[in-house]
Amino acid sequence: MIINRKLRFQLLVQNGFFVVLFLLLVVLLGYLASQYHVAKDITQANRNILTQGSVNVLKQMKAPINITVFATKDDASSGDNFRKGMMDFVARYQREKKDVNLKFINPSIEPKLALEAGVKEDGEVVVEYNKRVEHIIPPIAEQEMTNLLVRLSRTNQQAIMYLDGHGERNLLGVRNHDLGEFGKQLEKKGFKFANPDLTIAQAVPSNGAMLVVASPQVDITDIEAKKIKAHLENGGNLLWLLDDDNYRGLKEVADYLGLNVSAGMVMDTASAQYGADSRVSFASLYGEHAITKNFMLRTLFPEAHQVTAKGTDENGWKVSNLVEVAPNGWLLAEKIAKDAKPTFTEGKDTRGPINIGVALERIYGKKGQRVVVMGNANFLSNTFITNGGNLDLGINIVNWLAGDDNLITIQPMPLKDINVTIPDTKTSVAVAWTVFHAFQYFIPLGMMIAGFIFWWKRRKA
């Protein structure tokens, strides 16, 4: 083909027109990208998008969330990209809730604003919701930020009252059988604690969210027992954790609730596959209740007992079963020694699944009254609280008793793939350096060189 001046001009116009169209396409794609956002996370723990627990919390927060970061400007030359990191982190929340507002203030330039906000260090973050404010110090993970949002959105500010002085599992205790770690998680969720002395107080304080009786080891006095029953008769909420069928002086309270706890414990033969003793039972089914709605996490209960309750026209309780365990196990009819080998006795023991928790509720005056009884306190102990969904179930129970049903959710999961561990050898460091910088420099540079070579060859053809 002979290329004359006319054909050369036509090719120039054609190529120019193509370049213009290409630039218009780039501009159009840029505009669409700025208006519409689509995110797909392929990391193991979905660490670039929010977990479902955080999404659920944001859905029930109707007012705007204002996040103010007091930090000096980034210095990319020295590797300081704090502001950019915060923008990326908050963007995950902004994708789920459009009125999450982020603002940066340089405390060096505007020290008065930092002083008024009570900021004490560079990088401090102030979060405001419904005229309530909390501070958080980096580094910040999703679980920490979502816990903060839960605290800000909590509607019930009444204290959790807990009984003490009878060998109970203490909500502030550090021993293995105590509930201290669970108590810490409740504090992070915005709960406060009170410890009324019922031997002195005229009654259980009526301004508390609930009373917690966590497996006392000695009998509660008659005076205290009458006050606890009066607390129920007056519409008070109760969380009762039992480790056996010994009510420790609260038999009248159990009768008032129509409660019955088995003498024998649950045996679960499936525990062996998890490397546990048969006295540790695993949940197989959760009841249809607000506490366990959409709850699908595995929970475990060491030495659990069956719990049943009966609602009557007289007491007005509506009873719901919460947790069934050991579908392939059984319930012992009697107590056995700790060193005894349990065996199933036909006609005497009861085959699983076995229910070990009940929720009771009724209308009292203008408000509802709620009670939860669990035939196991050990699942919330410092030893077992981190196993499976034990913490989630405990938090859900307390939220429901406190009346914060909208905060019942699955807790954000910790990240599994956030770190890369490189062995401390020269070969490993060299390989890691090559791999990381190949994607940053070598591969892009190689593609540019290859593109130039192909272009040059075609031009010469």
Protein backbone atom coordinates (compact mmCIF):
# COMPACT_ATOMS: atom_id res chain seq x y z
CA MET A 1 0.00 0.00 0.00
CA ILE A 2 1.36 3.38 -1.05
CA ILE A 3 1.20 5.98 1.71
CA ASN A 4 0.75 9.42 0.22
CA ARG A 5 0.11 12.73 1.89
CA LYS A 6 -3.70 12.34 1.77
CA LEU A 7 -3.65 8.89 3.35
CA ARG A 8 -1.19 10.07 5.97
CA PHE A 9 -3.59 12.91 6.85
CA GLN A 10 -6.53 10.49 7.07
CA LEU A 11 -4.56 8.20 9.41
CA LEU A 12 -3.59 11.19 11.55
CA VAL A 13 -7.22 12.28 11.85
CA GLN A 14 -8.32 8.73 12.58
CA ASN A 15 -5.68 8.28 15.28
CA GLY A 16 -6.45 11.70 16.75
CA PHE A 17 -10.15 10.88 16.86
CA PHE A 18 -9.35 7.59 18.62
CA VAL A 19 -7.21 9.41 21.21
CA VAL A 20 -10.02 11.89 21.90
CA LEU A 21 -12.55 9.08 22.32
CA PHE A 22 -10.14 7.20 24.59
CA LEU A 23 -9.63 10.29 26.78
CA LEU A 24 -13.39 10.82 26.96
CA LEU A 25 -13.81 7.19 28.02
CA VAL A 26 -11.19 7.64 30.77
CA VAL A 27 -12.97 10.79 32.02
CA LEU A 28 -16.34 9.01 31.95
CA LEU A 29 -14.97 6.01 33.87
CA GLY A 30 -13.39 8.36 36.41
CA TYR A 31 -16.72 10.14 36.90
CA LEU A 32 -18.59 6.86 37.32
CA ALA A 33 -15.96 5.62 39.80
CA SER A 34 -16.42 8.76 41.89
CA GLN A 35 -20.20 8.38 41.95
CA TYR A 36 -20.59 4.62 42.43
CA HIS A 37 -18.60 2.34 44.71
CA VAL A 38 -18.43 -1.44 44.54
CA ALA A 39 -16.24 -3.39 46.98
CA LYS A 40 -15.35 -7.07 46.95
CA ASP A 41 -13.07 -8.37 49.68
CA ILE A 42 -11.18 -11.61 48.99
CA THR A 43 -9.03 -11.65 52.14
CA GLN A 44 -9.46 -14.56 54.55
CA ALA A 45 -11.05 -12.48 57.31
CA ASN A 46 -12.72 -9.82 55.11
CA ARG A 47 -10.42 -7.19 56.59
CA ASN A 48 -11.19 -4.57 53.94
CA ILE A 49 -14.94 -4.53 54.63
CA LEU A 50 -16.91 -4.57 57.87
CA THR A 51 -18.01 -7.78 59.54
CA GLN A 52 -21.75 -8.39 59.86
CA GLY A 53 -21.70 -7.47 63.55
CA SER A 54 -20.46 -3.94 62.77
CA VAL A 55 -22.94 -3.58 59.89
CA ASN A 56 -25.82 -4.48 62.23
CA VAL A 57 -24.68 -1.87 64.77
CA LEU A 58 -24.55 0.83 62.08
CA LYS A 59 -28.02 -0.06 60.81
CA GLN A 60 -29.62 0.76 64.14
CA MET A 61 -27.74 4.08 64.51
CA LYS A 62 -30.09 6.62 62.90
CA ALA A 63 -28.27 9.88 63.66
CA PRO A 64 -25.01 11.04 62.00
CA ILE A 65 -21.68 9.85 63.39
CA ASN A 66 -18.98 12.54 63.53
CA ILE A 67 -15.36 11.38 63.72
CA THR A 68 -12.67 13.98 64.38
CA VAL A 69 -9.02 12.97 64.15
CA PHE A 70 -6.52 15.26 65.88
CA ALA A 71 -3.30 14.51 64.00
CA THR A 72 -0.49 16.39 62.30
CA LYS A 73 -0.22 16.15 58.53
CA ASP A 74 1.30 13.05 56.95
CA ASP A 75 4.96 13.05 55.99
CA ALA A 76 5.19 10.45 53.23
CA SER A 77 8.98 10.91 52.94
CA SER A 78 9.44 9.57 56.47
CA GLY A 79 6.79 6.87 56.10
CA ASP A 80 4.14 8.72 58.12
CA ASN A 81 0.77 7.89 56.50
CA PHE A 82 -1.44 8.01 59.59
CA ARG A 83 -4.11 10.28 58.09
CA LYS A 84 -4.37 8.16 54.96
CA GLY A 85 -4.68 5.02 57.09
CA MET A 86 -7.51 6.60 59.10
CA MET A 87 -9.30 7.63 55.89
CA ASP A 88 -9.14 4.06 54.59
CA PHE A 89 -10.30 2.68 57.94
CA VAL A 90 -13.26 5.04 58.29
CA ALA A 91 -14.19 4.49 54.63
CA ARG A 92 -15.28 0.96 55.57
CA TYR A 93 -17.87 2.47 57.91
CA GLN A 94 -18.84 5.20 55.41
CA ARG A 95 -19.68 2.59 52.77
CA GLU A 96 -22.29 1.12 55.11
CA LYS A 97 -23.56 4.41 56.59
CA LYS A 98 -23.47 7.51 54.42
CA ASP A 99 -23.63 10.02 57.29
CA VAL A 100 -20.38 8.94 58.94
CA ASN A 101 -18.43 12.21 58.77
CA LEU A 102 -14.64 12.37 59.04
CA LYS A 103 -12.67 15.53 59.84
CA PHE A 104 -8.98 16.13 60.52
CA ILE A 105 -7.61 18.83 62.83
CA ASN A 106 -3.91 19.58 63.23
CA PRO A 107 -3.38 20.14 66.99
CA SER A 108 -0.12 22.01 66.28
CA ILE A 109 -1.95 24.61 64.18
CA GLU A 110 -5.19 24.70 66.19
CA PRO A 111 -4.21 23.91 69.81
CA LYS A 112 -7.30 25.66 71.19
CA LEU A 113 -9.65 23.18 69.47
CA ALA A 114 -7.59 20.26 70.75
CA LEU A 115 -7.71 21.68 74.30
CA GLU A 116 -11.47 22.21 74.15
CA ALA A 117 -11.97 18.61 72.95
CA GLY A 118 -9.82 17.26 75.78
CA VAL A 119 -7.25 15.77 73.40
CA LYS A 120 -4.04 14.71 75.13
CA GLU A 121 -1.91 13.21 72.36
CA ASP A 122 -1.29 13.35 68.63
CA GLY A 123 -3.50 10.94 66.69
CA GLU A 124 -6.33 10.87 69.25
CA VAL A 125 -9.77 10.27 67.73
CA VAL A 126 -13.00 11.85 69.02
CA VAL A 127 -16.29 10.17 68.05
CA GLU A 128 -19.62 11.97 68.57
CA TYR A 129 -23.12 10.48 68.28
CA ASN A 130 -26.38 11.94 69.56
CA LYS A 131 -24.46 14.59 71.56
CA ARG A 132 -22.48 11.86 73.34
CA VAL A 133 -18.70 11.78 72.93
CA GLU A 134 -15.96 9.21 73.41
CA HIS A 135 -12.21 9.25 72.76
CA ILE A 136 -10.10 6.42 71.35
CA ILE A 137 -6.33 6.15 70.92
CA PRO A 138 -4.73 4.45 67.86
CA PRO A 139 -3.98 1.82 66.77
CA ILE A 140 -7.69 1.13 66.23
CA ALA A 141 -9.14 -2.19 65.08
CA GLU A 142 -12.70 -2.74 63.89
CA GLN A 143 -13.73 -4.45 67.12
CA GLU A 144 -12.57 -1.48 69.20
CA MET A 145 -14.35 1.09 67.03
CA THR A 146 -17.58 -0.93 66.91
CA ASN A 147 -17.50 -1.40 70.70
CA LEU A 148 -17.20 2.38 71.01
CA LEU A 149 -20.22 2.87 68.72
CA VAL A 150 -22.20 0.36 70.80
CA ARG A 151 -21.41 2.35 73.94
CA LEU A 152 -22.50 5.61 72.30
CA SER A 153 -25.76 4.11 71.04
CA ARG A 154 -26.69 2.28 74.25
CA THR A 155 -30.04 3.53 75.53
CA ASN A 156 -29.99 1.85 78.95
CA GLN A 157 -27.45 3.45 81.27
CA GLN A 158 -28.59 1.61 84.40
CA ALA A 159 -25.97 -0.39 86.27
CA ILE A 160 -25.66 -4.17 86.38
CA MET A 161 -26.05 -5.17 90.03
CA TYR A 162 -24.33 -8.35 91.18
CA LEU A 163 -24.70 -10.33 94.38
CA ASP A 164 -21.52 -10.90 96.38
CA GLY A 165 -20.39 -12.33 99.70
CA HIS A 166 -21.44 -15.96 99.20
CA GLY A 167 -18.56 -17.27 97.08
CA GLU A 168 -20.14 -16.15 93.79
CA ARG A 169 -18.25 -15.98 90.51
CA ASN A 170 -17.24 -12.33 90.63
CA LEU A 171 -17.77 -10.06 87.59
CA LEU A 172 -14.55 -8.26 88.52
CA GLY A 173 -12.57 -11.33 89.65
CA VAL A 174 -9.33 -12.60 88.14
CA ARG A 175 -9.42 -16.23 89.27
CA ASN A 176 -10.11 -18.93 86.69
CA HIS A 177 -13.68 -19.57 87.86
CA ASP A 178 -14.55 -15.85 88.12
CA LEU A 179 -16.27 -13.81 85.40
CA GLY A 180 -13.75 -10.96 85.27
CA GLU A 181 -13.00 -11.17 81.54
CA PHE A 182 -16.72 -11.18 80.80
CA GLY A 183 -17.08 -8.16 83.07
CA LYS A 184 -14.34 -6.34 81.13
CA GLN A 185 -16.19 -6.96 77.87
CA LEU A 186 -19.41 -5.63 79.39
CA GLU A 187 -17.58 -2.47 80.49
CA LYS A 188 -16.29 -2.02 76.94
CA LYS A 189 -19.90 -2.23 75.77
CA GLY A 190 -20.83 0.67 78.06
CA PHE A 191 -22.17 -1.17 81.12
CA LYS A 192 -21.41 -0.12 84.68
CA PHE A 193 -21.51 -2.26 87.81
CA ALA A 194 -23.03 -1.91 91.27
CA ASN A 195 -22.62 -4.22 94.26
CA PRO A 196 -25.51 -3.67 96.71
CA ASP A 197 -25.18 -5.22 100.16
CA LEU A 198 -28.59 -6.80 100.68
CA THR A 199 -27.87 -7.45 104.36
CA ILE A 200 -27.94 -3.67 104.89
CA ALA A 201 -30.00 -2.23 102.01
CA GLN A 202 -33.75 -2.12 102.53
CA ALA A 203 -34.30 -3.69 99.09
CA VAL A 204 -32.61 -4.45 95.80
CA PRO A 205 -32.16 -0.97 94.22
CA SER A 206 -34.86 -0.33 91.64
CA ASN A 207 -32.60 1.83 89.45
CA GLY A 208 -30.44 -1.06 88.23
CA ALA A 209 -30.72 -2.77 84.84
CA MET A 210 -30.69 -6.27 86.37
CA LEU A 211 -29.47 -8.35 89.29
CA VAL A 212 -26.87 -11.06 88.61
CA VAL A 213 -26.68 -14.10 90.89
CA ALA A 214 -23.65 -16.08 89.69
CA SER A 215 -23.48 -19.48 91.37
CA PRO A 216 -23.09 -18.75 95.11
CA GLN A 217 -21.21 -21.43 97.06
CA VAL A 218 -22.90 -20.94 100.44
CA ASP A 219 -26.55 -20.36 101.30
CA ILE A 220 -27.96 -16.88 100.91
CA THR A 221 -29.59 -15.62 104.10
CA ASP A 222 -33.37 -15.55 104.43
CA ILE A 223 -33.32 -11.74 104.60
CA GLU A 224 -31.43 -11.48 101.29
CA ALA A 225 -33.57 -14.18 99.65
CA LYS A 226 -36.78 -12.31 100.53
CA LYS A 227 -35.37 -9.11 99.03
CA ILE A 228 -34.42 -10.92 95.81
CA LYS A 229 -37.92 -12.38 95.54
CA ALA A 230 -39.40 -8.93 96.21
CA HIS A 231 -37.15 -7.61 93.43
CA LEU A 232 -38.87 -10.04 91.03
CA GLU A 233 -42.32 -9.30 92.39
CA ASN A 234 -41.69 -5.60 91.77
CA GLY A 235 -40.74 -6.12 88.10
CA GLY A 236 -36.95 -6.39 88.40
CA ASN A 237 -34.80 -8.28 85.87
CA LEU A 238 -32.60 -11.21 86.88
CA LEU A 239 -29.69 -13.22 85.46
CA TRP A 240 -29.29 -16.43 87.46
CA LEU A 241 -26.33 -18.72 86.74
CA LEU A 242 -26.48 -22.15 88.39
CA ASP A 243 -23.81 -24.84 88.52
CA ASP A 244 -26.08 -27.52 90.03
CA ASP A 245 -29.55 -28.07 91.49
CA ASN A 246 -28.62 -26.47 94.83
CA TYR A 247 -30.46 -23.14 94.91
CA ARG A 248 -28.41 -21.96 97.88
CA GLY A 249 -31.32 -20.48 99.83
CA LEU A 250 -33.27 -19.26 96.79
CA LYS A 251 -35.80 -22.12 96.59
CA GLU A 252 -38.70 -19.67 96.94
CA VAL A 253 -37.32 -17.69 93.98
CA ALA A 254 -37.07 -20.89 91.91
CA ASP A 255 -40.68 -21.79 92.80
CA TYR A 256 -41.81 -18.27 91.89
CA LEU A 257 -40.27 -18.77 88.44
CA GLY A 258 -41.60 -22.32 88.09
CA LEU A 259 -37.97 -23.38 87.77
CA ASN A 260 -36.46 -26.85 87.90
CA VAL A 261 -32.75 -27.73 87.56
CA SER A 262 -31.56 -31.31 87.13
CA ALA A 263 -29.46 -33.06 89.76
CA GLY A 264 -27.33 -34.84 87.17
CA MET A 265 -25.15 -33.13 84.56
CA VAL A 266 -25.11 -33.43 80.78
CA MET A 267 -22.78 -35.90 79.07
CA ASP A 268 -21.75 -35.25 75.46
CA THR A 269 -20.02 -38.07 73.57
CA ALA A 270 -19.25 -35.70 70.68
CA SER A 271 -16.80 -33.78 72.90
CA ALA A 272 -14.06 -36.28 72.08
CA GLN A 273 -13.73 -34.94 68.52
CA TYR A 274 -12.79 -31.56 70.02
CA GLY A 275 -10.36 -33.13 72.47
CA ALA A 276 -12.63 -32.43 75.43
CA ASP A 277 -14.04 -34.53 78.25
CA SER A 278 -17.60 -35.84 77.92
CA ARG A 279 -18.59 -33.55 80.80
CA VAL A 280 -18.12 -30.64 78.37
CA SER A 281 -21.20 -30.35 76.19
CA PHE A 282 -21.52 -28.42 72.93
CA ALA A 283 -24.58 -26.50 71.77
CA SER A 284 -26.38 -28.03 68.79
CA LEU A 285 -29.54 -25.96 68.62
CA TYR A 286 -30.67 -22.54 69.79
CA GLY A 287 -34.25 -21.59 70.56
CA GLU A 288 -36.33 -19.05 68.67
CA HIS A 289 -35.70 -16.00 70.78
CA ALA A 290 -34.25 -12.49 70.43
CA ILE A 291 -31.12 -13.60 72.30
CA THR A 292 -30.34 -16.40 69.85
CA LYS A 293 -31.83 -15.01 66.63
CA ASN A 294 -29.46 -15.82 63.73
CA PHE A 295 -26.96 -17.13 66.30
CA MET A 296 -24.94 -19.92 64.68
CA LEU A 297 -21.69 -19.95 66.67
CA ARG A 298 -20.53 -23.03 68.53
CA THR A 299 -20.69 -22.69 72.32
CA LEU A 300 -19.47 -25.06 75.01
CA PHE A 301 -20.69 -25.65 78.54
CA PRO A 302 -18.59 -27.60 81.08
CA GLU A 303 -20.68 -29.64 83.53
CA ALA A 304 -24.02 -28.21 82.45
CA HIS A 305 -27.39 -29.07 83.99
CA GLN A 306 -30.84 -29.22 82.44
CA VAL A 307 -33.07 -26.21 83.10
CA THR A 308 -36.84 -26.07 82.66
CA ALA A 309 -39.40 -23.47 83.69
CA LYS A 310 -43.17 -23.47 83.65
CA GLY A 311 -45.24 -20.41 82.92
CA THR A 312 -48.68 -20.34 84.51
CA ASP A 313 -51.69 -18.03 84.50
CA GLU A 314 -50.80 -17.20 88.08
CA ASN A 315 -47.21 -16.06 87.49
CA GLY A 316 -47.77 -14.86 83.92
CA TRP A 317 -44.34 -15.90 82.65
CA LYS A 318 -43.75 -16.65 78.98
CA VAL A 319 -40.97 -19.25 78.85
CA SER A 320 -38.55 -19.78 75.94
CA ASN A 321 -35.83 -22.41 75.68
CA LEU A 322 -32.45 -20.91 74.72
CA VAL A 323 -29.76 -23.57 74.29
CA GLU A 324 -29.90 -27.30 73.58
CA VAL A 325 -26.73 -29.36 73.91
CA ALA A 326 -25.48 -32.92 73.44
CA PRO A 327 -27.79 -34.28 70.69
CA ASN A 328 -25.90 -37.58 70.86
CA GLY A 329 -25.36 -37.44 74.60
CA TRP A 330 -27.54 -37.83 77.65
CA LEU A 331 -28.54 -36.33 80.99
CA LEU A 332 -27.51 -38.24 84.09
CA ALA A 333 -30.33 -38.86 86.50
CA GLU A 334 -28.09 -38.44 89.54
CA LYS A 335 -24.89 -36.77 90.61
CA ILE A 336 -21.67 -38.74 90.14
CA ALA A 337 -18.20 -38.45 91.62
CA LYS A 338 -15.65 -36.42 89.65
CA ASP A 339 -13.42 -39.44 89.09
CA ALA A 340 -16.33 -41.75 88.09
CA LYS A 341 -16.72 -42.90 84.49
CA PRO A 342 -20.21 -41.93 83.31
CA THR A 343 -22.33 -44.49 81.46
CA PHE A 344 -25.85 -44.28 80.05
CA THR A 345 -28.52 -46.21 81.96
CA GLU A 346 -31.62 -46.99 79.91
CA GLY A 347 -34.88 -46.04 81.62
CA LYS A 348 -33.08 -43.82 84.10
CA ASP A 349 -30.98 -41.31 82.20
CA THR A 350 -32.43 -39.01 79.52
CA ARG A 351 -31.13 -38.98 75.94
CA GLY A 352 -30.15 -35.65 74.37
CA PRO A 353 -30.58 -33.00 73.22
CA ILE A 354 -30.89 -31.32 76.62
CA ASN A 355 -32.00 -27.72 77.21
CA ILE A 356 -29.73 -25.84 79.63
CA GLY A 357 -31.07 -22.28 79.52
CA VAL A 358 -34.43 -20.50 79.66
CA ALA A 359 -35.60 -16.93 79.13
CA LEU A 360 -38.73 -15.72 80.92
CA GLU A 361 -40.61 -12.51 80.30
CA ARG A 362 -43.90 -10.93 81.22
CA ILE A 363 -45.68 -7.62 81.20
CA TYR A 364 -45.22 -5.69 84.41
CA GLY A 365 -46.98 -2.34 84.56
CA LYS A 366 -45.96 -0.30 81.53
CA LYS A 367 -42.68 -2.12 81.05
CA GLY A 368 -41.60 -5.67 80.42
CA GLN A 369 -39.83 -7.85 82.96
CA ARG A 370 -37.12 -10.30 81.92
CA VAL A 371 -35.29 -13.21 83.53
CA VAL A 372 -32.63 -15.59 82.18
CA VAL A 373 -31.60 -18.76 84.01
CA MET A 374 -28.63 -20.83 82.80
CA GLY A 375 -27.80 -24.28 84.14
CA ASN A 376 -24.12 -23.45 83.80
CA ALA A 377 -22.01 -20.52 84.98
CA ASN A 378 -18.70 -21.96 83.85
CA PHE A 379 -19.23 -21.01 80.20
CA LEU A 380 -18.72 -17.34 81.11
CA SER A 381 -15.74 -17.97 83.40
CA ASN A 382 -12.27 -16.61 82.68
CA THR A 383 -11.26 -20.11 81.59
CA PHE A 384 -13.93 -20.62 78.94
CA ILE A 385 -15.18 -17.15 77.90
CA THR A 386 -12.97 -17.04 74.77
CA ASN A 387 -14.12 -20.44 73.48
CA GLY A 388 -16.35 -20.36 70.39
CA GLY A 389 -19.34 -18.07 70.77
CA ASN A 390 -19.49 -18.07 74.60
CA LEU A 391 -18.75 -14.34 74.81
CA ASP A 392 -21.28 -13.51 72.09
CA LEU A 393 -24.01 -15.48 73.83
CA GLY A 394 -23.24 -13.85 77.19
CA ILE A 395 -23.29 -10.35 75.70
CA ASN A 396 -26.58 -11.08 73.94
CA ILE A 397 -28.16 -12.27 77.20
CA VAL A 398 -27.13 -9.11 79.05
CA ASN A 399 -28.23 -6.83 76.21
CA TRP A 400 -31.64 -8.47 76.17
CA LEU A 401 -32.05 -8.22 79.94
CA ALA A 402 -31.05 -4.55 79.76
CA GLY A 403 -33.68 -3.90 77.09
CA ASP A 404 -31.17 -3.10 74.35
CA ASP A 405 -32.51 -5.69 71.92
CA ASN A 406 -31.21 -3.76 68.93
CA LEU A 407 -27.63 -4.25 70.16
CA ILE A 408 -27.90 -8.05 70.11
CA THR A 409 -25.45 -9.05 67.40
CA ILE A 410 -22.43 -11.12 66.58
CA GLN A 411 -19.18 -9.52 67.73
CA PRO A 412 -16.67 -8.43 65.04
CA MET A 413 -14.13 -11.20 64.50
CA PRO A 414 -10.36 -10.63 64.94
CA LEU A 415 -8.24 -10.58 61.81
CA LYS A 416 -6.51 -13.82 60.84
CA ASP A 417 -4.34 -12.72 57.92
CA ILE A 418 -3.10 -9.31 58.96
CA ASN A 419 0.57 -10.26 59.47
CA VAL A 420 3.22 -11.82 57.26
CA THR A 421 6.04 -13.50 59.16
CA ILE A 422 9.41 -13.57 57.38
CA PRO A 423 12.14 -15.84 58.80
CA ASP A 424 15.16 -13.92 60.05
CA THR A 425 17.69 -15.23 57.48
CA LYS A 426 19.52 -13.48 54.66
CA THR A 427 17.92 -15.70 52.01
CA SER A 428 14.39 -15.11 53.33
CA VAL A 429 14.91 -11.35 53.54
CA ALA A 430 16.31 -11.30 49.98
CA VAL A 431 13.39 -13.32 48.60
CA ALA A 432 10.83 -11.13 50.44
CA TRP A 433 12.54 -7.94 49.21
CA THR A 434 12.49 -9.24 45.62
CA VAL A 435 8.83 -10.30 45.74
CA PHE A 436 7.55 -7.12 47.36
CA HIS A 437 9.53 -4.76 45.13
CA ALA A 438 8.82 -6.79 42.00
CA PHE A 439 5.15 -5.79 42.20
CA GLN A 440 6.05 -2.23 43.15
CA TYR A 441 8.80 -1.51 40.59
CA PHE A 442 10.15 -4.39 38.48
CA ILE A 443 6.93 -5.74 36.95
CA PRO A 444 5.51 -2.28 36.00
CA LEU A 445 8.89 -1.26 34.58
CA GLY A 446 9.14 -4.54 32.63
CA MET A 447 5.68 -4.03 31.16
CA MET A 448 6.61 -0.51 30.07
CA ILE A 449 9.79 -1.76 28.36
CA ALA A 450 7.92 -4.62 26.66
CA GLY A 451 5.25 -2.21 25.44
CA PHE A 452 7.88 0.12 24.02
CA ILE A 453 9.62 -2.79 22.21
CA PHE A 454 6.34 -3.99 20.66
CA TRP A 455 5.50 -0.45 19.59
CA TRP A 456 8.96 0.03 18.04
CA LYS A 457 8.74 -3.25 16.11
CA ARG A 458 5.31 -2.44 14.73
CA ARG A 459 6.50 1.03 13.74
CA LYS A 460 9.40 -0.46 11.81
CA ALA A 461 7.20 -3.06 10.08
